[in-house]
Amino acid sequence: MLPEHSRSRLGIPSKLPGGCRHVNKRLPTPLNIRGWQVEWARLCDDLNELQELTLTVGNKKFLLRTPPVGHAGQAIQAAGVALGPAVRMI
């Protein structure tokens, strides 16, 4: 699941089932301005593929994020969200 700050920037409610349907109210204009055509069902699936986890190694904690797949990267870019590095120490 995407971190809450990224989900809110994309307009995806964190606790609402089917929250991706709200994305299509915010993203058509930014996507269309760039000339990107996106199938919403596929975009929702691609956004749901993003995962984040915390890994503890000894005394250090790391946050790991999967890379965006499919149209998720385009949607995130169009929304102006910076995901940051895939691996970072917290």
Protein backbone atom coordinates (compact mmCIF):
# COMPACT_ATOMS: atom_id res chain seq x y z
CA MET A 1 0.00 0.00 0.00
CA LEU A 2 1.24 3.48 -0.78
CA PRO A 3 2.17 5.71 2.16
CA GLU A 4 -0.65 7.97 3.32
CA HIS A 5 0.99 11.21 2.12
CA SER A 6 1.33 9.81 -1.41
CA ARG A 7 -2.20 8.40 -1.39
CA SER A 8 -3.66 11.74 -0.34
CA ARG A 9 -1.75 13.62 -3.08
CA LEU A 10 -3.22 11.20 -5.63
CA GLY A 11 -6.69 11.54 -4.10
CA ILE A 12 -6.89 7.90 -3.04
CA PRO A 13 -8.65 7.46 0.31
CA SER A 14 -6.69 5.10 2.55
CA LYS A 15 -9.62 3.34 4.20
CA LEU A 16 -12.23 3.34 1.43
CA PRO A 17 -12.68 0.14 -0.60
CA GLY A 18 -12.58 0.93 -4.29
CA GLY A 19 -10.83 4.21 -3.47
CA CYS A 20 -9.21 4.22 -6.88
CA ARG A 21 -12.48 5.35 -8.45
CA HIS A 22 -11.79 8.73 -6.83
CA VAL A 23 -8.51 9.01 -8.74
CA ASN A 24 -10.33 9.44 -12.04
CA LYS A 25 -11.89 12.66 -10.72
CA ARG A 26 -8.47 14.26 -10.18
CA LEU A 27 -6.15 12.82 -12.80
CA PRO A 28 -7.86 13.10 -16.21
CA THR A 29 -6.73 16.69 -16.76
CA PRO A 30 -3.06 16.19 -15.79
CA LEU A 31 -2.92 12.96 -17.80
CA ASN A 32 -4.70 14.44 -20.83
CA ILE A 33 -2.45 17.52 -20.81
CA ARG A 34 0.49 15.15 -21.27
CA GLY A 35 -1.37 13.22 -23.98
CA TRP A 36 -1.42 10.01 -21.94
CA GLN A 37 -4.33 7.63 -22.41
CA VAL A 38 -5.00 5.40 -19.41
CA GLU A 39 -7.52 2.64 -18.80
CA TRP A 40 -8.80 3.30 -15.26
CA ALA A 41 -9.24 -0.32 -14.19
CA ARG A 42 -5.67 -1.08 -15.20
CA LEU A 43 -4.38 2.09 -13.50
CA CYS A 44 -6.12 1.08 -10.26
CA ASP A 45 -4.50 -2.34 -10.43
CA ASP A 46 -1.11 -0.76 -11.13
CA LEU A 47 -1.45 1.65 -8.18
CA ASN A 48 -2.49 -1.20 -5.91
CA GLU A 49 0.72 -3.04 -6.85
CA LEU A 50 2.80 -0.38 -5.07
CA GLN A 51 3.91 -1.75 -1.73
CA GLU A 52 6.02 -0.41 1.12
CA LEU A 53 7.58 -2.30 4.00
CA THR A 54 9.93 -1.72 6.88
CA LEU A 55 12.95 -3.98 7.32
CA THR A 56 15.06 -4.08 10.47
CA VAL A 57 18.67 -5.22 10.13
CA GLY A 58 20.51 -5.15 13.45
CA ASN A 59 19.93 -1.70 14.90
CA LYS A 60 19.03 -0.11 11.56
CA LYS A 61 15.60 0.25 9.97
CA PHE A 62 15.02 0.55 6.25
CA LEU A 63 11.93 1.48 4.28
CA LEU A 64 11.60 -0.45 1.01
CA ARG A 65 9.17 0.38 -1.81
CA THR A 66 8.37 -1.59 -4.92
CA PRO A 67 8.85 0.23 -8.22
CA PRO A 68 5.75 1.60 -9.94
CA VAL A 69 4.49 -0.71 -12.68
CA GLY A 70 2.38 -0.10 -15.76
CA HIS A 71 0.64 3.27 -15.77
CA ALA A 72 1.22 3.93 -12.07
CA GLY A 73 4.43 5.84 -12.76
CA GLN A 74 2.69 8.13 -15.26
CA ALA A 75 -0.19 8.80 -12.87
CA ILE A 76 2.15 9.55 -9.99
CA GLN A 77 4.18 11.89 -12.19
CA ALA A 78 1.02 13.62 -13.46
CA ALA A 79 -0.16 14.15 -9.87
CA GLY A 80 3.15 15.76 -8.97
CA VAL A 81 4.03 13.14 -6.36
CA ALA A 82 7.67 12.30 -5.75
CA LEU A 83 8.00 8.74 -4.46
CA GLY A 84 11.59 9.15 -3.37
CA PRO A 85 14.18 6.37 -3.30
CA ALA A 86 13.07 2.74 -3.34
CA VAL A 87 15.29 2.00 -0.32
CA ARG A 88 16.00 4.45 2.48
CA MET A 89 17.19 4.26 6.04
CA ILE A 90 14.72 5.54 8.62
